[in-house]
Amino acid sequence: MSDKRLFTRIPLAVKGTLAHHNKRIDVIIIDVSLQGVKLSANEDALNELPFDSHDPYTATFRANEDSPVITLHIELSLIHISEPTETSLHL
């Protein structure tokens, strides 16, 4: 079976933040691609962010301890709740 993705996902599993205006929460950056980023966060923390907004979100992280801070300006496309306390975001 062949992978039909246009852009390869790069697995990271690193700590980062997701912010919207003046609100910021801790997240885990699961993976990134040229088409987006997959995040995981505590559901209670996610309730702090307005997911009905059309304004972009900002994710920041370091790919490793030697990397500079990477900043992504993103729009929400999908929320997937996989466990009672963890939620994955596809941005």
N, C-alpha and C. Protein backbone atom coordinates (compact mmCIF):
# COMPACT_ATOMS: atom_id res chain seq x y z
N MET A 1 0.85 -1.18 0.00
CA MET A 1 0.00 0.00 0.00
C MET A 1 0.90 1.24 0.00
N SER A 2 0.63 2.16 -0.86
CA SER A 2 1.47 3.36 -0.94
C SER A 2 0.83 4.50 -0.15
N ASP A 3 1.70 5.35 0.39
CA ASP A 3 1.24 6.53 1.12
C ASP A 3 0.83 7.59 0.11
N LYS A 4 -0.37 8.13 0.24
CA LYS A 4 -0.88 9.10 -0.72
C LYS A 4 -0.69 10.54 -0.26
N ARG A 5 0.08 10.76 0.79
CA ARG A 5 0.32 12.11 1.27
C ARG A 5 1.17 12.89 0.28
N LEU A 6 0.84 14.16 0.10
CA LEU A 6 1.66 15.02 -0.73
C LEU A 6 2.90 15.49 0.01
N PHE A 7 2.78 15.64 1.35
CA PHE A 7 3.88 16.14 2.16
C PHE A 7 4.17 15.16 3.28
N THR A 8 5.42 14.81 3.44
CA THR A 8 5.84 13.87 4.46
C THR A 8 5.72 14.49 5.85
N ARG A 9 5.18 13.71 6.79
CA ARG A 9 5.13 14.14 8.18
C ARG A 9 6.49 13.86 8.82
N ILE A 10 6.96 14.82 9.62
CA ILE A 10 8.22 14.66 10.34
C ILE A 10 7.88 14.51 11.82
N PRO A 11 8.08 13.32 12.38
CA PRO A 11 7.75 13.11 13.79
C PRO A 11 8.69 13.89 14.70
N LEU A 12 8.13 14.52 15.74
CA LEU A 12 8.93 15.31 16.68
C LEU A 12 8.70 14.91 18.13
N ALA A 13 7.45 14.95 18.59
CA ALA A 13 7.10 14.68 19.99
C ALA A 13 7.90 15.57 20.94
N VAL A 14 7.81 16.89 20.75
CA VAL A 14 8.53 17.85 21.59
C VAL A 14 7.53 18.81 22.25
N LYS A 15 7.95 19.40 23.36
CA LYS A 15 7.10 20.38 24.06
C LYS A 15 7.06 21.68 23.28
N GLY A 16 5.90 22.32 23.33
CA GLY A 16 5.74 23.61 22.67
C GLY A 16 4.59 24.36 23.30
N THR A 17 4.20 25.46 22.66
CA THR A 17 3.06 26.23 23.14
C THR A 17 2.13 26.52 21.96
N LEU A 18 0.87 26.72 22.27
CA LEU A 18 -0.12 27.16 21.30
C LEU A 18 -0.77 28.40 21.89
N ALA A 19 -0.79 29.48 21.12
CA ALA A 19 -1.32 30.75 21.63
C ALA A 19 -2.34 31.33 20.67
N HIS A 20 -3.26 32.08 21.25
CA HIS A 20 -4.25 32.84 20.48
C HIS A 20 -4.42 34.17 21.21
N HIS A 21 -4.00 35.24 20.56
CA HIS A 21 -3.98 36.57 21.18
C HIS A 21 -3.17 36.49 22.49
N ASN A 22 -3.77 36.76 23.63
CA ASN A 22 -2.99 36.80 24.88
C ASN A 22 -3.09 35.51 25.69
N LYS A 23 -3.68 34.45 25.16
CA LYS A 23 -3.80 33.18 25.88
C LYS A 23 -2.83 32.17 25.29
N ARG A 24 -2.14 31.44 26.17
CA ARG A 24 -1.11 30.49 25.74
C ARG A 24 -1.25 29.21 26.57
N ILE A 25 -1.15 28.05 25.91
CA ILE A 25 -1.19 26.78 26.61
C ILE A 25 0.00 25.91 26.19
N ASP A 26 0.36 24.97 27.04
CA ASP A 26 1.41 24.01 26.72
C ASP A 26 0.84 22.90 25.85
N VAL A 27 1.60 22.47 24.87
CA VAL A 27 1.20 21.39 23.96
C VAL A 27 2.40 20.49 23.69
N ILE A 28 2.14 19.36 23.08
CA ILE A 28 3.17 18.49 22.52
C ILE A 28 3.03 18.58 21.01
N ILE A 29 4.11 18.93 20.33
CA ILE A 29 4.13 18.96 18.87
C ILE A 29 4.40 17.52 18.43
N ILE A 30 3.39 16.84 17.92
CA ILE A 30 3.53 15.44 17.55
C ILE A 30 4.30 15.30 16.25
N ASP A 31 3.88 16.04 15.24
CA ASP A 31 4.60 16.03 13.97
C ASP A 31 4.29 17.28 13.17
N VAL A 32 5.11 17.54 12.16
CA VAL A 32 4.91 18.67 11.27
C VAL A 32 5.08 18.21 9.83
N SER A 33 4.48 18.95 8.91
CA SER A 33 4.68 18.75 7.48
C SER A 33 4.55 20.12 6.82
N LEU A 34 4.77 20.18 5.54
CA LEU A 34 4.59 21.45 4.83
C LEU A 34 3.12 21.86 4.79
N GLN A 35 2.23 20.92 5.09
CA GLN A 35 0.81 21.20 5.05
C GLN A 35 0.22 21.51 6.43
N GLY A 36 0.97 21.26 7.51
CA GLY A 36 0.41 21.56 8.81
C GLY A 36 1.20 20.96 9.95
N VAL A 37 0.57 20.96 11.12
CA VAL A 37 1.19 20.47 12.34
C VAL A 37 0.13 19.71 13.13
N LYS A 38 0.56 18.64 13.82
CA LYS A 38 -0.34 17.89 14.68
C LYS A 38 0.13 18.10 16.12
N LEU A 39 -0.79 18.56 16.97
CA LEU A 39 -0.50 18.87 18.36
C LEU A 39 -1.34 18.01 19.28
N SER A 40 -0.85 17.84 20.49
CA SER A 40 -1.62 17.17 21.53
C SER A 40 -1.60 18.07 22.76
N ALA A 41 -2.75 18.16 23.43
CA ALA A 41 -2.83 19.02 24.61
C ALA A 41 -3.89 18.49 25.57
N ASN A 42 -3.77 18.90 26.81
CA ASN A 42 -4.76 18.58 27.81
C ASN A 42 -6.07 19.27 27.45
N GLU A 43 -7.16 18.56 27.52
CA GLU A 43 -8.45 19.12 27.12
C GLU A 43 -8.85 20.33 27.96
N ASP A 44 -8.55 20.30 29.25
CA ASP A 44 -8.87 21.45 30.10
C ASP A 44 -8.11 22.69 29.64
N ALA A 45 -6.84 22.51 29.26
CA ALA A 45 -6.04 23.64 28.77
C ALA A 45 -6.63 24.17 27.46
N LEU A 46 -7.06 23.27 26.60
CA LEU A 46 -7.63 23.69 25.31
C LEU A 46 -8.88 24.53 25.48
N ASN A 47 -9.61 24.30 26.55
CA ASN A 47 -10.81 25.10 26.81
C ASN A 47 -10.50 26.56 27.05
N GLU A 48 -9.22 26.88 27.29
CA GLU A 48 -8.80 28.27 27.49
C GLU A 48 -8.72 29.04 26.17
N LEU A 49 -8.68 28.32 25.05
CA LEU A 49 -8.53 28.97 23.73
C LEU A 49 -9.87 29.01 23.00
N PRO A 50 -10.12 30.07 22.22
CA PRO A 50 -11.38 30.20 21.48
C PRO A 50 -11.28 29.51 20.11
N PHE A 51 -11.83 28.32 19.99
CA PHE A 51 -11.70 27.60 18.73
C PHE A 51 -12.78 27.95 17.71
N ASP A 52 -13.52 29.02 17.97
CA ASP A 52 -14.47 29.52 16.98
C ASP A 52 -13.96 30.80 16.32
N SER A 53 -12.71 31.13 16.57
CA SER A 53 -12.13 32.36 16.03
C SER A 53 -11.57 32.12 14.63
N HIS A 54 -11.61 33.16 13.80
CA HIS A 54 -11.01 33.08 12.47
C HIS A 54 -9.60 33.67 12.46
N ASP A 55 -9.16 34.17 13.61
CA ASP A 55 -7.80 34.70 13.72
C ASP A 55 -6.82 33.53 13.84
N PRO A 56 -5.61 33.68 13.30
CA PRO A 56 -4.64 32.58 13.37
C PRO A 56 -4.14 32.33 14.78
N TYR A 57 -3.69 31.11 15.01
CA TYR A 57 -3.05 30.69 16.24
C TYR A 57 -1.55 30.72 16.00
N THR A 58 -0.78 30.73 17.08
CA THR A 58 0.67 30.70 16.96
C THR A 58 1.20 29.53 17.78
N ALA A 59 1.93 28.65 17.14
CA ALA A 59 2.59 27.54 17.83
C ALA A 59 4.09 27.81 17.83
N THR A 60 4.73 27.55 18.95
CA THR A 60 6.18 27.71 19.03
C THR A 60 6.77 26.46 19.66
N PHE A 61 7.97 26.08 19.19
CA PHE A 61 8.66 24.92 19.74
C PHE A 61 10.11 24.92 19.26
N ARG A 62 10.90 24.06 19.87
CA ARG A 62 12.27 23.79 19.43
C ARG A 62 12.30 22.33 18.98
N ALA A 63 12.83 22.07 17.79
CA ALA A 63 12.90 20.69 17.29
C ALA A 63 13.83 19.84 18.13
N ASN A 64 14.86 20.46 18.70
CA ASN A 64 15.76 19.81 19.65
C ASN A 64 16.40 20.90 20.49
N GLU A 65 17.22 20.53 21.45
CA GLU A 65 17.76 21.53 22.38
C GLU A 65 18.70 22.53 21.70
N ASP A 66 19.27 22.17 20.55
CA ASP A 66 20.18 23.07 19.84
C ASP A 66 19.48 23.94 18.79
N SER A 67 18.22 23.66 18.53
CA SER A 67 17.53 24.38 17.47
C SER A 67 17.03 25.74 17.96
N PRO A 68 16.91 26.68 17.03
CA PRO A 68 16.27 27.95 17.40
C PRO A 68 14.77 27.72 17.60
N VAL A 69 14.10 28.67 18.20
CA VAL A 69 12.65 28.56 18.37
C VAL A 69 12.00 28.64 16.99
N ILE A 70 11.10 27.70 16.71
CA ILE A 70 10.36 27.67 15.46
C ILE A 70 8.96 28.21 15.75
N THR A 71 8.51 29.16 14.97
CA THR A 71 7.19 29.78 15.16
C THR A 71 6.33 29.52 13.94
N LEU A 72 5.11 29.00 14.17
CA LEU A 72 4.16 28.73 13.10
C LEU A 72 2.91 29.58 13.33
N HIS A 73 2.44 30.25 12.30
CA HIS A 73 1.16 30.97 12.35
C HIS A 73 0.18 30.11 11.58
N ILE A 74 -0.84 29.62 12.27
CA ILE A 74 -1.67 28.55 11.72
C ILE A 74 -3.16 28.82 11.90
N GLU A 75 -3.94 28.13 11.06
CA GLU A 75 -5.39 28.16 11.16
C GLU A 75 -5.88 26.77 11.52
N LEU A 76 -6.88 26.70 12.34
CA LEU A 76 -7.43 25.43 12.80
C LEU A 76 -8.18 24.72 11.68
N SER A 77 -7.93 23.41 11.53
CA SER A 77 -8.67 22.66 10.52
C SER A 77 -9.41 21.46 11.09
N LEU A 78 -8.91 20.85 12.19
CA LEU A 78 -9.55 19.64 12.72
C LEU A 78 -9.18 19.47 14.18
N ILE A 79 -10.15 19.11 15.01
CA ILE A 79 -9.90 18.73 16.40
C ILE A 79 -10.35 17.28 16.55
N HIS A 80 -9.47 16.45 17.12
CA HIS A 80 -9.78 15.03 17.31
C HIS A 80 -9.54 14.68 18.77
N ILE A 81 -10.57 14.24 19.46
CA ILE A 81 -10.43 13.84 20.86
C ILE A 81 -10.22 12.34 20.88
N SER A 82 -9.02 11.91 21.32
CA SER A 82 -8.68 10.50 21.29
C SER A 82 -8.73 9.84 22.67
N GLU A 83 -8.59 10.60 23.74
CA GLU A 83 -8.67 10.10 25.10
C GLU A 83 -9.42 11.14 25.91
N PRO A 84 -9.92 10.75 27.08
CA PRO A 84 -10.69 11.71 27.87
C PRO A 84 -9.95 12.99 28.23
N THR A 85 -8.62 12.94 28.40
CA THR A 85 -7.91 14.14 28.84
C THR A 85 -6.93 14.69 27.80
N GLU A 86 -6.78 14.04 26.67
CA GLU A 86 -5.85 14.51 25.65
C GLU A 86 -6.59 14.73 24.34
N THR A 87 -6.25 15.79 23.65
CA THR A 87 -6.88 16.13 22.38
C THR A 87 -5.80 16.42 21.36
N SER A 88 -5.97 15.91 20.12
CA SER A 88 -5.04 16.21 19.05
C SER A 88 -5.64 17.27 18.16
N LEU A 89 -4.81 18.20 17.74
CA LEU A 89 -5.23 19.25 16.83
C LEU A 89 -4.46 19.10 15.53
N HIS A 90 -5.15 19.20 14.44
CA HIS A 90 -4.50 19.20 13.12
C HIS A 90 -4.64 20.61 12.59
N LEU A 91 -3.54 21.32 12.52
CA LEU A 91 -3.57 22.72 12.14
C LEU A 91 -2.84 22.94 10.86
